Amino acid sequence: MEEKEFDLLQEHSLIFLEMAFRTDKHESVKNPDGYGKKASSCGDIVEIFLSVLNDHIDSVSLQIRGCMNINACANVIAHMAEGKNLEEAWGISPETVFNYLQTLPPTHFHCAEMAVGAFHAALASHQENRRNPWKKLYR
């Protein structure tokens, strides 16, 4: 039996490839308005930094240590979240990310869950920082 060779460019949608290889959002932010971090048992780590202005997400920055699937998922979140109000941002789900990418392998759905988990942690961190502004200084 002949084994089929994997061709990255043929197996994935253009949107997946764009998000998987995008690095323009990769930066660490000092004193972000919101911060979230998640790690998986496979060793992938995603950190999300939020800048919020007038109850809208002004910018999303990322730090990724992991595979192209986690990078794609985190970049989708940055793409979808920027400009949204905070209430709308809570609506970003792993299913939203998975569907947007079109060709994220189902075996890597956990990457979408992890990225969204970090994003929701950043949103929760922002809420906590608004209630207790002094905590932002001690992240």
N, C-alpha and C. Protein backbone atom coordinates (compact mmCIF):
# COMPACT_ATOMS: atom_id res chain seq x y z
N MET A 1 0.84 -1.17 0.00
CA MET A 1 0.00 0.00 0.00
C MET A 1 0.89 1.25 0.00
N GLU A 2 0.55 2.20 -0.85
CA GLU A 2 1.32 3.43 -0.95
C GLU A 2 0.87 4.43 0.11
N GLU A 3 1.84 5.01 0.80
CA GLU A 3 1.52 5.98 1.84
C GLU A 3 1.43 7.37 1.22
N LYS A 4 0.36 8.10 1.54
CA LYS A 4 0.14 9.44 1.00
C LYS A 4 1.06 10.43 1.72
N GLU A 5 1.74 11.25 0.95
CA GLU A 5 2.63 12.27 1.51
C GLU A 5 1.81 13.49 1.93
N PHE A 6 2.11 14.04 3.09
CA PHE A 6 1.40 15.22 3.60
C PHE A 6 1.95 16.47 2.93
N ASP A 7 1.07 17.30 2.42
CA ASP A 7 1.44 18.57 1.79
C ASP A 7 0.72 19.69 2.53
N LEU A 8 1.45 20.40 3.35
CA LEU A 8 0.89 21.45 4.20
C LEU A 8 0.05 22.44 3.40
N LEU A 9 0.56 22.87 2.26
CA LEU A 9 -0.13 23.89 1.47
C LEU A 9 -1.41 23.36 0.84
N GLN A 10 -1.49 22.08 0.61
CA GLN A 10 -2.69 21.49 0.01
C GLN A 10 -3.70 21.04 1.05
N GLU A 11 -3.24 20.77 2.26
CA GLU A 11 -4.11 20.22 3.30
C GLU A 11 -4.83 21.28 4.13
N HIS A 12 -4.38 22.54 4.02
CA HIS A 12 -4.95 23.59 4.87
C HIS A 12 -5.52 24.74 4.04
N SER A 13 -6.52 25.40 4.64
CA SER A 13 -7.12 26.59 4.01
C SER A 13 -6.12 27.74 4.05
N LEU A 14 -6.33 28.71 3.20
CA LEU A 14 -5.45 29.89 3.19
C LEU A 14 -5.53 30.64 4.51
N ILE A 15 -6.74 30.71 5.10
CA ILE A 15 -6.89 31.42 6.37
C ILE A 15 -6.11 30.70 7.47
N PHE A 16 -6.13 29.36 7.47
CA PHE A 16 -5.34 28.61 8.46
C PHE A 16 -3.87 28.93 8.28
N LEU A 17 -3.38 28.86 7.05
CA LEU A 17 -1.96 29.11 6.80
C LEU A 17 -1.56 30.53 7.22
N GLU A 18 -2.42 31.50 6.89
CA GLU A 18 -2.13 32.89 7.29
C GLU A 18 -2.01 33.01 8.81
N MET A 19 -2.97 32.44 9.51
CA MET A 19 -2.97 32.54 10.97
C MET A 19 -1.85 31.70 11.59
N ALA A 20 -1.51 30.58 11.01
CA ALA A 20 -0.48 29.70 11.56
C ALA A 20 0.91 30.32 11.48
N PHE A 21 1.15 31.11 10.44
CA PHE A 21 2.48 31.68 10.23
C PHE A 21 2.58 33.15 10.61
N ARG A 22 1.51 33.73 11.07
CA ARG A 22 1.49 35.15 11.45
C ARG A 22 2.25 35.35 12.77
N THR A 23 3.10 36.38 12.81
CA THR A 23 3.86 36.68 14.03
C THR A 23 3.80 38.15 14.43
N ASP A 24 3.03 38.97 13.71
CA ASP A 24 3.02 40.41 13.98
C ASP A 24 2.41 40.77 15.33
N LYS A 25 1.68 39.85 15.95
CA LYS A 25 1.07 40.11 17.26
C LYS A 25 1.91 39.57 18.40
N HIS A 26 3.06 38.97 18.09
CA HIS A 26 3.90 38.36 19.10
C HIS A 26 4.73 39.43 19.82
N GLU A 27 4.30 39.73 21.01
CA GLU A 27 5.07 40.65 21.87
C GLU A 27 4.57 40.51 23.30
N SER A 28 5.43 40.82 24.22
CA SER A 28 5.08 40.81 25.63
C SER A 28 4.82 42.26 26.04
N VAL A 29 3.75 42.49 26.78
CA VAL A 29 3.35 43.85 27.16
C VAL A 29 3.49 44.02 28.67
N LYS A 30 4.18 45.07 29.06
CA LYS A 30 4.28 45.38 30.49
C LYS A 30 3.00 46.08 30.93
N ASN A 31 2.47 45.67 32.07
CA ASN A 31 1.25 46.25 32.64
C ASN A 31 0.07 46.27 31.66
N PRO A 32 -0.28 45.11 31.10
CA PRO A 32 -1.45 45.09 30.22
C PRO A 32 -2.73 45.32 31.03
N ASP A 33 -3.78 45.67 30.34
CA ASP A 33 -5.08 45.84 31.01
C ASP A 33 -5.67 44.48 31.40
N GLY A 34 -5.27 43.44 30.69
CA GLY A 34 -5.71 42.08 31.00
C GLY A 34 -4.65 41.10 30.56
N TYR A 35 -4.48 40.02 31.32
CA TYR A 35 -3.46 39.02 31.01
C TYR A 35 -3.99 37.63 31.32
N GLY A 36 -3.77 36.70 30.40
CA GLY A 36 -4.16 35.31 30.62
C GLY A 36 -3.11 34.38 30.08
N LYS A 37 -2.96 33.25 30.75
CA LYS A 37 -1.96 32.27 30.33
C LYS A 37 -2.52 30.87 30.52
N LYS A 38 -2.29 30.00 29.55
CA LYS A 38 -2.68 28.60 29.64
C LYS A 38 -1.54 27.75 29.10
N ALA A 39 -1.39 26.58 29.69
CA ALA A 39 -0.40 25.61 29.23
C ALA A 39 -1.08 24.26 29.09
N SER A 40 -0.58 23.46 28.17
CA SER A 40 -1.16 22.14 27.96
C SER A 40 -0.17 21.06 28.38
N SER A 41 -0.66 19.86 28.49
CA SER A 41 0.19 18.74 28.89
C SER A 41 1.22 18.41 27.81
N CYS A 42 0.97 18.85 26.56
CA CYS A 42 1.95 18.59 25.49
C CYS A 42 3.10 19.61 25.52
N GLY A 43 3.01 20.61 26.39
CA GLY A 43 4.08 21.59 26.52
C GLY A 43 3.81 22.93 25.86
N ASP A 44 2.71 23.04 25.12
CA ASP A 44 2.38 24.33 24.49
C ASP A 44 1.97 25.34 25.56
N ILE A 45 2.35 26.60 25.34
CA ILE A 45 1.98 27.69 26.25
C ILE A 45 1.51 28.87 25.41
N VAL A 46 0.40 29.46 25.83
CA VAL A 46 -0.09 30.67 25.17
C VAL A 46 -0.35 31.72 26.24
N GLU A 47 0.17 32.92 26.00
CA GLU A 47 -0.07 34.07 26.87
C GLU A 47 -0.74 35.15 26.03
N ILE A 48 -1.77 35.77 26.61
CA ILE A 48 -2.50 36.82 25.91
C ILE A 48 -2.51 38.09 26.75
N PHE A 49 -2.17 39.20 26.12
CA PHE A 49 -2.11 40.51 26.75
C PHE A 49 -3.14 41.41 26.07
N LEU A 50 -3.99 42.05 26.86
CA LEU A 50 -5.02 42.92 26.31
C LEU A 50 -4.75 44.38 26.64
N SER A 51 -5.05 45.23 25.68
CA SER A 51 -5.09 46.67 25.88
C SER A 51 -6.55 47.07 25.62
N VAL A 52 -7.18 47.69 26.62
CA VAL A 52 -8.60 48.03 26.53
C VAL A 52 -8.76 49.55 26.61
N LEU A 53 -9.59 50.08 25.73
CA LEU A 53 -9.86 51.51 25.69
C LEU A 53 -11.35 51.72 25.52
N ASN A 54 -11.97 52.46 26.45
CA ASN A 54 -13.41 52.74 26.41
C ASN A 54 -14.25 51.46 26.26
N ASP A 55 -13.95 50.46 27.06
CA ASP A 55 -14.66 49.18 27.05
C ASP A 55 -14.61 48.43 25.72
N HIS A 56 -13.61 48.73 24.91
CA HIS A 56 -13.37 48.00 23.66
C HIS A 56 -11.93 47.50 23.67
N ILE A 57 -11.72 46.35 23.07
CA ILE A 57 -10.37 45.79 22.99
C ILE A 57 -9.62 46.55 21.91
N ASP A 58 -8.62 47.28 22.36
CA ASP A 58 -7.81 48.10 21.45
C ASP A 58 -6.76 47.24 20.75
N SER A 59 -6.09 46.37 21.51
CA SER A 59 -5.11 45.48 20.89
C SER A 59 -4.95 44.21 21.71
N VAL A 60 -4.53 43.16 21.01
CA VAL A 60 -4.25 41.86 21.61
C VAL A 60 -2.83 41.49 21.21
N SER A 61 -2.02 41.16 22.19
CA SER A 61 -0.65 40.70 21.93
C SER A 61 -0.52 39.29 22.45
N LEU A 62 0.41 38.54 21.85
CA LEU A 62 0.55 37.12 22.15
C LEU A 62 2.00 36.74 22.43
N GLN A 63 2.17 35.74 23.25
CA GLN A 63 3.43 35.02 23.39
C GLN A 63 3.07 33.55 23.24
N ILE A 64 3.67 32.88 22.30
CA ILE A 64 3.36 31.48 22.00
C ILE A 64 4.62 30.65 22.11
N ARG A 65 4.51 29.52 22.77
CA ARG A 65 5.56 28.51 22.75
C ARG A 65 4.84 27.21 22.42
N GLY A 66 4.91 26.84 21.15
CA GLY A 66 4.21 25.63 20.75
C GLY A 66 4.10 25.49 19.25
N CYS A 67 3.18 24.65 18.85
CA CYS A 67 3.03 24.28 17.45
C CYS A 67 2.29 25.34 16.65
N MET A 68 2.26 25.13 15.34
CA MET A 68 1.57 26.09 14.47
C MET A 68 0.07 26.11 14.70
N ASN A 69 -0.49 25.02 15.23
CA ASN A 69 -1.93 24.99 15.50
C ASN A 69 -2.30 25.95 16.62
N ILE A 70 -1.50 26.01 17.68
CA ILE A 70 -1.79 26.93 18.78
C ILE A 70 -1.55 28.36 18.31
N ASN A 71 -0.55 28.56 17.47
CA ASN A 71 -0.30 29.90 16.92
C ASN A 71 -1.47 30.36 16.07
N ALA A 72 -2.00 29.47 15.25
CA ALA A 72 -3.15 29.80 14.41
C ALA A 72 -4.35 30.17 15.27
N CYS A 73 -4.62 29.38 16.30
CA CYS A 73 -5.79 29.64 17.16
C CYS A 73 -5.65 30.97 17.89
N ALA A 74 -4.48 31.26 18.44
CA ALA A 74 -4.27 32.51 19.18
C ALA A 74 -4.38 33.71 18.24
N ASN A 75 -3.86 33.59 17.02
CA ASN A 75 -3.96 34.69 16.06
C ASN A 75 -5.39 34.95 15.63
N VAL A 76 -6.20 33.90 15.53
CA VAL A 76 -7.62 34.09 15.21
C VAL A 76 -8.29 34.91 16.30
N ILE A 77 -7.97 34.60 17.54
CA ILE A 77 -8.57 35.35 18.66
C ILE A 77 -8.18 36.82 18.58
N ALA A 78 -6.90 37.11 18.33
CA ALA A 78 -6.47 38.50 18.19
C ALA A 78 -7.22 39.18 17.05
N HIS A 79 -7.33 38.50 15.94
CA HIS A 79 -8.03 39.03 14.77
C HIS A 79 -9.50 39.32 15.07
N MET A 80 -10.15 38.38 15.75
CA MET A 80 -11.59 38.53 16.04
C MET A 80 -11.87 39.53 17.16
N ALA A 81 -10.98 39.62 18.13
CA ALA A 81 -11.27 40.40 19.33
C ALA A 81 -11.01 41.90 19.18
N GLU A 82 -10.00 42.27 18.42
CA GLU A 82 -9.65 43.69 18.33
C GLU A 82 -10.82 44.49 17.76
N GLY A 83 -11.18 45.54 18.49
CA GLY A 83 -12.28 46.40 18.10
C GLY A 83 -13.62 46.02 18.72
N LYS A 84 -13.70 44.82 19.25
CA LYS A 84 -14.96 44.37 19.87
C LYS A 84 -15.12 44.99 21.26
N ASN A 85 -16.39 45.17 21.67
CA ASN A 85 -16.59 45.58 23.06
C ASN A 85 -16.39 44.34 23.94
N LEU A 86 -16.23 44.57 25.23
CA LEU A 86 -15.88 43.47 26.12
C LEU A 86 -16.96 42.39 26.17
N GLU A 87 -18.21 42.79 26.12
CA GLU A 87 -19.30 41.81 26.15
C GLU A 87 -19.25 40.90 24.92
N GLU A 88 -19.03 41.48 23.76
CA GLU A 88 -18.92 40.69 22.53
C GLU A 88 -17.72 39.75 22.59
N ALA A 89 -16.64 40.22 23.17
CA ALA A 89 -15.41 39.42 23.22
C ALA A 89 -15.61 38.13 24.00
N TRP A 90 -16.45 38.16 25.04
CA TRP A 90 -16.72 36.94 25.81
C TRP A 90 -17.38 35.87 24.95
N GLY A 91 -17.96 36.25 23.83
CA GLY A 91 -18.63 35.30 22.95
C GLY A 91 -17.70 34.48 22.06
N ILE A 92 -16.42 34.82 22.04
CA ILE A 92 -15.47 34.03 21.24
C ILE A 92 -15.27 32.68 21.93
N SER A 93 -15.55 31.63 21.19
CA SER A 93 -15.51 30.28 21.75
C SER A 93 -14.54 29.39 20.97
N PRO A 94 -14.17 28.24 21.53
CA PRO A 94 -13.32 27.31 20.76
C PRO A 94 -13.96 26.91 19.43
N GLU A 95 -15.27 26.74 19.42
CA GLU A 95 -15.97 26.39 18.18
C GLU A 95 -15.85 27.52 17.15
N THR A 96 -15.93 28.77 17.61
CA THR A 96 -15.79 29.92 16.72
C THR A 96 -14.41 29.89 16.05
N VAL A 97 -13.39 29.66 16.85
CA VAL A 97 -12.01 29.61 16.34
C VAL A 97 -11.85 28.43 15.37
N PHE A 98 -12.31 27.26 15.77
CA PHE A 98 -12.21 26.05 14.94
C PHE A 98 -12.88 26.27 13.59
N ASN A 99 -14.08 26.80 13.60
CA ASN A 99 -14.82 27.03 12.35
C ASN A 99 -14.16 28.08 11.47
N TYR A 100 -13.61 29.12 12.07
CA TYR A 100 -12.95 30.17 11.31
C TYR A 100 -11.73 29.62 10.55
N LEU A 101 -10.99 28.76 11.21
CA LEU A 101 -9.77 28.23 10.59
C LEU A 101 -10.06 27.23 9.46
N GLN A 102 -11.21 26.65 9.45
CA GLN A 102 -11.66 25.71 8.42
C GLN A 102 -10.93 24.37 8.40
N THR A 103 -9.62 24.37 8.60
CA THR A 103 -8.87 23.12 8.47
C THR A 103 -8.01 22.79 9.69
N LEU A 104 -8.35 23.34 10.85
CA LEU A 104 -7.64 22.91 12.06
C LEU A 104 -7.96 21.43 12.25
N PRO A 105 -6.95 20.58 12.39
CA PRO A 105 -7.24 19.15 12.57
C PRO A 105 -8.08 18.94 13.83
N PRO A 106 -9.12 18.13 13.73
CA PRO A 106 -9.96 17.87 14.91
C PRO A 106 -9.16 17.35 16.11
N THR A 107 -8.05 16.68 15.83
CA THR A 107 -7.19 16.19 16.92
C THR A 107 -6.49 17.33 17.65
N HIS A 108 -6.57 18.55 17.10
CA HIS A 108 -5.95 19.72 17.74
C HIS A 108 -7.00 20.74 18.20
N PHE A 109 -8.22 20.29 18.37
CA PHE A 109 -9.27 21.17 18.89
C PHE A 109 -8.87 21.72 20.26
N HIS A 110 -8.08 20.94 21.01
CA HIS A 110 -7.62 21.41 22.33
C HIS A 110 -6.81 22.70 22.21
N CYS A 111 -6.20 22.95 21.06
CA CYS A 111 -5.46 24.21 20.86
C CYS A 111 -6.42 25.40 20.86
N ALA A 112 -7.57 25.23 20.24
CA ALA A 112 -8.59 26.28 20.25
C ALA A 112 -9.10 26.49 21.67
N GLU A 113 -9.32 25.39 22.40
CA GLU A 113 -9.78 25.49 23.79
C GLU A 113 -8.75 26.19 24.66
N MET A 114 -7.48 25.87 24.47
CA MET A 114 -6.43 26.49 25.28
C MET A 114 -6.29 27.98 24.97
N ALA A 115 -6.31 28.35 23.69
CA ALA A 115 -6.19 29.76 23.32
C ALA A 115 -7.37 30.57 23.83
N VAL A 116 -8.57 30.03 23.70
CA VAL A 116 -9.76 30.73 24.20
C VAL A 116 -9.71 30.81 25.73
N GLY A 117 -9.22 29.77 26.37
CA GLY A 117 -9.08 29.79 27.83
C GLY A 117 -8.15 30.91 28.29
N ALA A 118 -7.04 31.09 27.59
CA ALA A 118 -6.11 32.17 27.92
C ALA A 118 -6.76 33.53 27.67
N PHE A 119 -7.52 33.63 26.59
CA PHE A 119 -8.20 34.88 26.26
C PHE A 119 -9.25 35.22 27.32
N HIS A 120 -10.05 34.24 27.71
CA HIS A 120 -11.06 34.48 28.75
C HIS A 120 -10.41 34.81 30.09
N ALA A 121 -9.26 34.20 30.36
CA ALA A 121 -8.52 34.55 31.58
C ALA A 121 -8.05 36.01 31.52
N ALA A 122 -7.65 36.46 30.33
CA ALA A 122 -7.23 37.86 30.16
C ALA A 122 -8.42 38.81 30.35
N LEU A 123 -9.60 38.41 29.84
CA LEU A 123 -10.79 39.23 30.05
C LEU A 123 -11.16 39.30 31.53
N ALA A 124 -11.07 38.17 32.21
CA ALA A 124 -11.36 38.13 33.65
C ALA A 124 -10.33 38.96 34.42
N SER A 125 -9.09 38.90 34.00
CA SER A 125 -8.04 39.70 34.63
C SER A 125 -8.33 41.19 34.47
N HIS A 126 -8.80 41.57 33.28
CA HIS A 126 -9.16 42.98 33.05
C HIS A 126 -10.29 43.40 33.99
N GLN A 127 -11.30 42.55 34.15
CA GLN A 127 -12.40 42.86 35.06
C GLN A 127 -11.89 43.04 36.48
N GLU A 128 -11.00 42.16 36.90
CA GLU A 128 -10.43 42.26 38.25
C GLU A 128 -9.61 43.53 38.41
N ASN A 129 -8.86 43.89 37.38
CA ASN A 129 -8.05 45.11 37.43
C ASN A 129 -8.92 46.36 37.50
N ARG A 130 -10.10 46.32 36.90
CA ARG A 130 -11.01 47.46 36.98
C ARG A 130 -11.59 47.59 38.38
N ARG A 131 -11.90 46.44 39.00
CA ARG A 131 -12.44 46.47 40.37
C ARG A 131 -11.37 46.86 41.39
N ASN A 132 -10.15 46.40 41.17
CA ASN A 132 -9.04 46.63 42.09
C ASN A 132 -7.82 47.09 41.29
N PRO A 133 -7.77 48.37 40.90
CA PRO A 133 -6.70 48.85 40.02
C PRO A 133 -5.29 48.63 40.55
N TRP A 134 -5.13 48.56 41.84
CA TRP A 134 -3.80 48.36 42.42
C TRP A 134 -3.21 47.01 42.05
N LYS A 135 -4.05 46.02 41.76
CA LYS A 135 -3.57 44.67 41.44
C LYS A 135 -2.82 44.64 40.10
N LYS A 136 -3.16 45.54 39.20
CA LYS A 136 -2.50 45.58 37.90
C LYS A 136 -1.00 45.78 38.04
N LEU A 137 -0.61 46.51 39.06
CA LEU A 137 0.80 46.82 39.28
C LEU A 137 1.61 45.62 39.77
N TYR A 138 0.91 44.56 40.23
CA TYR A 138 1.60 43.43 40.84
C TYR A 138 1.50 42.15 40.03
N ARG A 139 1.19 42.26 38.75
CA ARG A 139 1.12 41.06 37.92
C ARG A 139 2.48 40.43 37.77
